[in-house]
Structure formats: structure tokens, C-alpha cells
C-alpha atoms as a PDB file:
ATOM      1  CA  UNK A   1       0.000   0.000   0.000  1.00  0.00           C
ATOM      2  CA  UNK A   2       1.180   3.471  -0.803  1.00  0.00           C
ATOM      3  CA  UNK A   3      -0.333   6.732   0.263  1.00  0.00           C
ATOM      4  CA  UNK A   4      -0.681   8.800  -2.910  1.00  0.00           C
ATOM      5  CA  UNK A   5      -0.190  12.522  -3.369  1.00  0.00           C
ATOM      6  CA  UNK A   6      -3.925  13.005  -2.832  1.00  0.00           C
ATOM      7  CA  UNK A   7      -3.716  11.868   0.792  1.00  0.00           C
ATOM      8  CA  UNK A   8      -0.337  13.462   1.440  1.00  0.00           C
ATOM      9  CA  UNK A   9      -1.364  16.822  -0.004  1.00  0.00           C
ATOM     10  CA  UNK A  10      -4.662  16.799   1.889  1.00  0.00           C
ATOM     11  CA  UNK A  11      -2.874  16.228   5.207  1.00  0.00           C
ATOM     12  CA  UNK A  12      -0.197  18.815   4.374  1.00  0.00           C
ATOM     13  CA  UNK A  13      -2.812  21.436   3.467  1.00  0.00           C
ATOM     14  CA  UNK A  14      -4.822  20.684   6.600  1.00  0.00           C
ATOM     15  CA  UNK A  15      -1.725  21.061   8.781  1.00  0.00           C
ATOM     16  CA  UNK A  16      -1.032  24.421   7.115  1.00  0.00           C
ATOM     17  CA  UNK A  17      -4.638  25.474   7.716  1.00  0.00           C
ATOM     18  CA  UNK A  18      -4.395  24.405  11.362  1.00  0.00           C
ATOM     19  CA  UNK A  19      -1.127  26.226  11.976  1.00  0.00           C
ATOM     20  CA  UNK A  20      -2.366  29.487  10.449  1.00  0.00           C
ATOM     21  CA  UNK A  21      -6.110  29.348  10.979  1.00  0.00           C
ATOM     22  CA  UNK A  22      -6.410  30.981  14.384  1.00  0.00           C
ATOM     23  CA  UNK A  23      -6.715  34.437  12.857  1.00  0.00           C
ATOM     24  CA  UNK A  24      -9.616  33.743  10.503  1.00  0.00           C
ATOM     25  CA  UNK A  25     -10.229  31.924   7.242  1.00  0.00           C
ATOM     26  CA  UNK A  26      -7.226  30.958   5.102  1.00  0.00           C
ATOM     27  CA  UNK A  27      -7.299  31.130   1.323  1.00  0.00           C
ATOM     28  CA  UNK A  28      -6.359  28.160  -0.799  1.00  0.00           C
ATOM     29  CA  UNK A  29      -4.094  30.485  -2.782  1.00  0.00           C
ATOM     30  CA  UNK A  30      -2.050  31.116   0.379  1.00  0.00           C
ATOM     31  CA  UNK A  31      -1.816  27.391   1.151  1.00  0.00           C
ATOM     32  CA  UNK A  32      -0.933  26.713  -2.488  1.00  0.00           C
ATOM     33  CA  UNK A  33       1.911  29.209  -2.392  1.00  0.00           C
ATOM     34  CA  UNK A  34       3.335  28.061   0.948  1.00  0.00           C
ATOM     35  CA  UNK A  35       3.062  24.329   0.282  1.00  0.00           C
ATOM     36  CA  UNK A  36       3.703  24.402  -3.475  1.00  0.00           C
ATOM     37  CA  UNK A  37       0.517  22.505  -4.244  1.00  0.00           C
ATOM     38  CA  UNK A  38      -1.481  23.351  -7.356  1.00  0.00           C
ATOM     39  CA  UNK A  39      -4.409  25.640  -6.568  1.00  0.00           C
ATOM     40  CA  UNK A  40      -6.777  23.635  -8.769  1.00  0.00           C
ATOM     41  CA  UNK A  41      -5.717  20.428  -6.984  1.00  0.00           C
ATOM     42  CA  UNK A  42      -6.339  22.056  -3.590  1.00  0.00           C
ATOM     43  CA  UNK A  43      -9.787  23.161  -4.767  1.00  0.00           C
ATOM     44  CA  UNK A  44     -10.651  19.542  -5.575  1.00  0.00           C
ATOM     45  CA  UNK A  45      -9.341  18.280  -2.229  1.00  0.00           C
ATOM     46  CA  UNK A  46     -11.078  20.986  -0.192  1.00  0.00           C
ATOM     47  CA  UNK A  47     -14.388  20.340  -1.949  1.00  0.00           C
ATOM     48  CA  UNK A  48     -14.179  16.768  -0.614  1.00  0.00           C
ATOM     49  CA  UNK A  49     -13.029  17.903   2.817  1.00  0.00           C
ATOM     50  CA  UNK A  50     -15.957  20.361   2.987  1.00  0.00           C
ATOM     51  CA  UNK A  51     -18.413  17.682   1.849  1.00  0.00           C
ATOM     52  CA  UNK A  52     -17.148  15.473   4.687  1.00  0.00           C
ATOM     53  CA  UNK A  53     -17.533  18.287   7.262  1.00  0.00           C
ATOM     54  CA  UNK A  54     -13.836  18.617   8.000  1.00  0.00           C
ATOM     55  CA  UNK A  55     -13.519  22.196   6.774  1.00  0.00           C
ATOM     56  CA  UNK A  56     -15.982  25.029   6.324  1.00  0.00           C
ATOM     57  CA  UNK A  57     -15.821  27.680   3.646  1.00  0.00           C
ATOM     58  CA  UNK A  58     -16.298  31.395   4.244  1.00  0.00           C
ATOM     59  CA  UNK A  59     -17.365  33.459   1.230  1.00  0.00           C
ATOM     60  CA  UNK A  60     -16.648  37.058   0.366  1.00  0.00           C
ATOM     61  CA  UNK A  61     -13.765  39.408   1.053  1.00  0.00           C
ATOM     62  CA  UNK A  62     -11.539  37.928   3.716  1.00  0.00           C
ATOM     63  CA  UNK A  63     -13.024  34.518   2.996  1.00  0.00           C
ATOM     64  CA  UNK A  64     -11.329  31.188   2.729  1.00  0.00           C
ATOM     65  CA  UNK A  65     -11.417  27.988   4.720  1.00  0.00           C
ATOM     66  CA  UNK A  66     -11.373  27.128   8.389  1.00  0.00           C
ATOM     67  CA  UNK A  67     -11.692  23.916  10.350  1.00  0.00           C
ATOM     68  CA  UNK A  68     -15.249  22.784  10.993  1.00  0.00           C
ATOM     69  CA  UNK A  69     -14.294  21.552  14.474  1.00  0.00           C
ATOM     70  CA  UNK A  70     -11.228  21.669  16.744  1.00  0.00           C
ATOM     71  CA  UNK A  71      -8.055  20.160  15.230  1.00  0.00           C
ATOM     72  CA  UNK A  72      -7.756  17.810  18.193  1.00  0.00           C
ATOM     73  CA  UNK A  73     -11.072  16.241  17.162  1.00  0.00           C
ATOM     74  CA  UNK A  74     -10.011  15.567  13.540  1.00  0.00           C
ATOM     75  CA  UNK A  75      -8.033  12.403  12.905  1.00  0.00           C
ATOM     76  CA  UNK A  76      -5.557  11.976  10.079  1.00  0.00           C
ATOM     77  CA  UNK A  77      -7.562   8.911   8.974  1.00  0.00           C
ATOM     78  CA  UNK A  78     -10.639  11.132   8.518  1.00  0.00           C
ATOM     79  CA  UNK A  79      -8.709  13.472   6.249  1.00  0.00           C
ATOM     80  CA  UNK A  80      -7.214  10.692   4.140  1.00  0.00           C
ATOM     81  CA  UNK A  81     -10.535   8.877   3.769  1.00  0.00           C
ATOM     82  CA  UNK A  82     -12.389  12.121   3.001  1.00  0.00           C
ATOM     83  CA  UNK A  83     -10.325  12.645  -0.154  1.00  0.00           C
ATOM     84  CA  UNK A  84     -11.092   9.097  -1.318  1.00  0.00           C
ATOM     85  CA  UNK A  85      -7.721   7.686  -0.398  1.00  0.00           C
ATOM     86  CA  UNK A  86      -8.209   4.033   0.539  1.00  0.00           C
ATOM     87  CA  UNK A  87      -6.360   2.687   3.558  1.00  0.00           C
ATOM     88  CA  UNK A  88      -6.127  -0.749   2.013  1.00  0.00           C
ATOM     89  CA  UNK A  89      -3.012  -2.854   1.445  1.00  0.00           C
ATOM     90  CA  UNK A  90      -4.888  -5.698  -0.264  1.00  0.00           C
ATOM     91  CA  UNK A  91      -5.045  -6.129  -4.021  1.00  0.00           C
ATOM     92  CA  UNK A  92      -8.713  -7.067  -3.906  1.00  0.00           C
ATOM     93  CA  UNK A  93     -10.218  -4.072  -2.107  1.00  0.00           C
ATOM     94  CA  UNK A  94     -10.767  -6.213   1.012  1.00  0.00           C
ATOM     95  CA  UNK A  95     -13.225  -8.470  -0.835  1.00  0.00           C
ATOM     96  CA  UNK A  96     -11.211 -11.681  -0.479  1.00  0.00           C
ATOM     97  CA  UNK A  97     -11.364 -12.370  -4.212  1.00  0.00           C
ATOM     98  CA  UNK A  98      -7.625 -12.002  -4.795  1.00  0.00           C
ATOM     99  CA  UNK A  99      -6.980 -15.432  -6.294  1.00  0.00           C
ATOM    100  CA  UNK A 100      -9.634 -16.646  -8.708  1.00  0.00           C
ATOM    101  CA  UNK A 101     -12.473 -15.437  -6.495  1.00  0.00           C
ATOM    102  CA  UNK A 102     -10.906 -16.684  -3.253  1.00  0.00           C
ATOM    103  CA  UNK A 103      -8.551 -15.052  -0.759  1.00  0.00           C
ATOM    104  CA  UNK A 104      -4.864 -15.322  -1.672  1.00  0.00           C
ATOM    105  CA  UNK A 105      -2.448 -16.926   0.761  1.00  0.00           C
ATOM    106  CA  UNK A 106      -1.379 -13.521   2.132  1.00  0.00           C
ATOM    107  CA  UNK A 107      -4.822 -11.898   2.249  1.00  0.00           C
ATOM    108  CA  UNK A 108      -5.077 -11.894   6.053  1.00  0.00           C
ATOM    109  CA  UNK A 109      -1.616 -10.356   6.363  1.00  0.00           C
ATOM    110  CA  UNK A 110      -2.591  -7.407   4.156  1.00  0.00           C
ATOM    111  CA  UNK A 111      -5.960  -7.063   5.885  1.00  0.00           C
ATOM    112  CA  UNK A 112      -4.237  -6.841   9.264  1.00  0.00           C
ATOM    113  CA  UNK A 113      -1.751  -4.295   7.933  1.00  0.00           C
ATOM    114  CA  UNK A 114      -4.600  -2.182   6.550  1.00  0.00           C
ATOM    115  CA  UNK A 115      -6.383  -2.335   9.907  1.00  0.00           C
ATOM    116  CA  UNK A 116      -3.237  -1.303  11.811  1.00  0.00           C
ATOM    117  CA  UNK A 117      -2.582   1.618   9.474  1.00  0.00           C
ATOM    118  CA  UNK A 118      -6.162   2.809   9.935  1.00  0.00           C
ATOM    119  CA  UNK A 119      -5.940   2.400  13.725  1.00  0.00           C
ATOM    120  CA  UNK A 120      -2.736   4.424  13.841  1.00  0.00           C
ATOM    121  CA  UNK A 121      -3.972   7.234  11.586  1.00  0.00           C
ATOM    122  CA  UNK A 122      -7.254   7.304  13.519  1.00  0.00           C
ATOM    123  CA  UNK A 123      -5.334   7.785  16.790  1.00  0.00           C
ATOM    124  CA  UNK A 124      -3.272  10.696  15.477  1.00  0.00           C
ATOM    125  CA  UNK A 125      -5.047  14.038  15.503  1.00  0.00           C
ATOM    126  CA  UNK A 126      -4.504  16.927  13.146  1.00  0.00           C
ATOM    127  CA  UNK A 127      -3.486  19.002  16.168  1.00  0.00           C
ATOM    128  CA  UNK A 128      -0.724  16.548  17.077  1.00  0.00           C
ATOM    129  CA  UNK A 129       0.730  16.725  13.572  1.00  0.00           C
ATOM    130  CA  UNK A 130       0.426  20.526  13.441  1.00  0.00           C
ATOM    131  CA  UNK A 131       2.229  20.789  16.787  1.00  0.00           C
ATOM    132  CA  UNK A 132       4.949  18.297  15.828  1.00  0.00           C
ATOM    133  CA  UNK A 133       3.862  15.898  18.578  1.00  0.00           C
ATOM    134  CA  UNK A 134       3.280  12.742  16.562  1.00  0.00           C
ATOM    135  CA  UNK A 135       6.459  10.951  17.537  1.00  0.00           C
ATOM    136  CA  UNK A 136       6.274  11.933  21.199  1.00  0.00           C
ATOM    137  CA  UNK A 137       2.608  11.155  21.755  1.00  0.00           C
ATOM    138  CA  UNK A 138       2.254   7.891  19.825  1.00  0.00           C
ATOM    139  CA  UNK A 139       3.558   5.150  22.164  1.00  0.00           C
ATOM    140  CA  UNK A 140       1.488   2.544  20.279  1.00  0.00           C
ATOM    141  CA  UNK A 141       3.550   3.047  17.129  1.00  0.00           C
ATOM    142  CA  UNK A 142       6.791   3.132  19.095  1.00  0.00           C
ATOM    143  CA  UNK A 143       5.863  -0.241  20.617  1.00  0.00           C
ATOM    144  CA  UNK A 144       5.177  -1.689  17.160  1.00  0.00           C
ATOM    145  CA  UNK A 145       8.504  -0.393  15.824  1.00  0.00           C
ATOM    146  CA  UNK A 146      10.383  -1.743  18.852  1.00  0.00           C
ATOM    147  CA  UNK A 147       8.723  -5.162  18.521  1.00  0.00           C
ATOM    148  CA  UNK A 148       9.600  -5.246  14.807  1.00  0.00           C
ATOM    149  CA  UNK A 149      13.224  -4.393  15.563  1.00  0.00           C
ATOM    150  CA  UNK A 150      13.514  -7.098  18.216  1.00  0.00           C
ATOM    151  CA  UNK A 151      11.765  -9.620  15.957  1.00  0.00           C
ATOM    152  CA  UNK A 152      14.273  -8.971  13.171  1.00  0.00           C
ATOM    153  CA  UNK A 153      17.292  -9.238  15.465  1.00  0.00           C
ATOM    154  CA  UNK A 154      19.496 -12.275  14.841  1.00  0.00           C
ATOM    155  CA  UNK A 155      18.749 -15.249  17.041  1.00  0.00           C
ATOM    156  CA  UNK A 156      21.651 -16.527  19.119  1.00  0.00           C
ATOM    157  CA  UNK A 157      22.402 -20.220  18.639  1.00  0.00           C
END
């Protein structure tokens, strides 16, 4: 599974909005300039984010976008899913029809990975990312990384 530019750009733009949004609505043109993301691409992403009640638009002079609720209440998984980015490592779209209509031999592995990725991104809030607190406040991920490191360590004979 690979997170595409759609998901990455949506999260990046939302972090920008969070970091600068305390003083009123932020224009997509400003985000586009700061983050070097195409304005037309941002318009497409923000239309989906607005439809999913993650951002709200403000019309008129001084208009732009703002968060529809506090950044601490918005998970990274919500943002990624809102822009139609699947959190799915399977090749069958989680249907179990990978190998001639039946699950392939590694189907459960990829299902579990997909579930763990979703769980992690659901636990991380937009506020944490905007404040640079992802590494420090995500002990669950640190435990997974540590267990993977110890599992890959050579076994003494």
C-alpha cells in the first residue's frame, strides 16, 4: 500500500490550515503558495473535505477555509478517507477475491496491515501533527517499531 499525493497533499494542506487558521479563514491560494501545491488540486481536495464536514468555507472578502471543528477532534484517517484515499493494502479491495475469487495466501496479512494503518492514523489528531507531537505522543507506534526491531534481530544459537 502506498499513500498517494492526494492523501499526502490533503494532510499537508490541513496542517497548514491548522497552523495558520487561528486568525480567521485561510485562502487556498495562500496554502498553495506556501506548500507548493497546485491551486486547482487544492480546490478539488477541499471540496471533498468540505463535503465530509472537516472544513468550512467562508465566502466574500476575507473569505477562505477554516476547520469545521477543533483540530484535536479531527483524525488523520478522517482526512485521508475524506479525499477518497483508501487505507487498504490488499489487491482485492478487502473483498477476499484475490486469487480466482478466493482469498490469496497472504490476504489476512494485508488485511491486518490495513487495519493497523487505519488504527494508527485514527489515533493521530490533526493538532498533534500541526504541533509536531506525533512521535512523542504515539507510544502505540513506538511499541510496534520496537517489537519489529527485536523480531528482526538475529537469534543466538
